[in-house]
Protein backbone atom coordinates (compact mmCIF):
# COMPACT_ATOMS: atom_id res chain seq x y z
CA MET A 1 10.92 3.39 -6.43
CA PRO A 2 9.63 -0.15 -5.83
CA ASP A 3 6.68 -1.49 -7.73
CA ALA A 4 3.54 -1.64 -5.55
CA THR A 5 3.40 -5.42 -6.01
CA ASP A 6 6.84 -5.64 -4.35
CA ILE A 7 5.48 -4.24 -1.10
CA ALA A 8 1.75 -5.04 -1.23
CA TRP A 9 0.23 -7.51 1.24
CA LEU A 10 -0.62 -10.46 -1.00
CA ASP A 11 -3.78 -12.56 -0.70
CA GLY A 12 -3.14 -15.57 1.45
CA GLU A 13 0.19 -14.25 2.73
CA SER A 14 0.62 -14.65 6.48
CA THR A 15 1.85 -11.82 8.68
CA PRO A 16 5.22 -13.51 9.36
CA ASP A 17 5.70 -14.20 5.63
CA ASN A 18 4.83 -10.59 4.76
CA VAL A 19 7.21 -9.17 7.35
CA ARG A 20 9.99 -11.53 6.26
CA ARG A 21 9.49 -10.65 2.58
CA ILE A 22 9.44 -6.88 3.17
CA LEU A 23 12.40 -6.84 5.55
CA SER A 24 14.52 -9.11 3.35
CA ARG A 25 14.22 -6.76 0.33
CA PRO A 26 17.48 -5.05 -0.61
CA GLY A 27 17.58 -1.28 -0.35
CA THR A 28 15.01 1.04 1.18
CA ILE A 29 11.36 1.86 0.58
CA PRO A 30 10.43 5.55 0.42
CA LEU A 31 7.63 6.31 2.85
CA ARG A 32 5.54 9.39 3.61
CA LEU A 33 3.29 9.57 6.65
CA THR A 34 0.40 12.00 6.72
CA TYR A 35 -1.36 12.64 10.00
CA LEU A 36 -5.02 13.54 9.69
CA ALA A 37 -7.15 15.35 12.21
CA PRO A 38 -8.63 13.03 14.84
CA ILE A 39 -12.23 11.93 14.46
CA ASP A 40 -14.32 12.15 17.61
CA PRO A 41 -15.84 8.70 18.16
CA ALA A 42 -18.78 10.31 19.97
CA THR A 43 -19.95 11.73 16.62
CA ALA A 44 -20.44 8.25 15.13
CA ARG A 45 -23.49 6.05 15.72
CA ASP A 46 -21.42 2.88 15.98
CA ARG A 47 -18.06 1.37 15.04
CA LYS A 48 -19.11 0.85 11.41
CA ALA A 49 -20.06 4.51 11.05
CA LEU A 50 -16.74 5.48 12.65
CA ALA A 51 -14.88 3.20 10.23
CA ALA A 52 -16.77 4.70 7.26
CA ALA A 53 -15.96 8.24 8.41
CA SER A 54 -12.31 7.30 8.88
CA ARG A 55 -12.14 5.73 5.43
CA ALA A 56 -13.74 8.80 3.84
CA GLU A 57 -11.12 11.04 5.47
CA ILE A 58 -8.29 8.79 4.26
CA VAL A 59 -9.64 8.62 0.69
CA ALA A 60 -10.02 12.41 0.63
CA ALA A 61 -6.43 12.86 1.84
CA LEU A 62 -5.14 10.41 -0.78
CA ALA A 63 -7.09 12.21 -3.50
CA ALA A 64 -5.43 15.47 -2.45
CA SER A 65 -1.97 13.88 -2.50
CA ALA A 66 0.19 12.88 -5.44
CA ALA A 67 -1.06 9.28 -5.25
CA PRO A 68 -4.49 8.61 -6.75
CA ALA A 69 -6.91 7.27 -4.13
CA ALA A 70 -8.03 4.50 -6.52
CA GLU A 71 -4.65 2.83 -6.03
CA PHE A 72 -5.46 2.30 -2.36
CA GLN A 73 -9.04 1.03 -2.59
């Protein structure tokens, strides 16, 4: 399993540099996708409220998974 710093998006790293670095790594990176229930945008006051609701759902899902949510904040 790669260290998180091997695959993290580093401060100041451009998108092309990040893609090049990730794709040039030897081997594979294990990945798990979790699909959450959609959030109805009509229930949010504005885009910031929608973003906050989305983030809360993601943090809750991470907390329920094997990976601590603090690692992703």
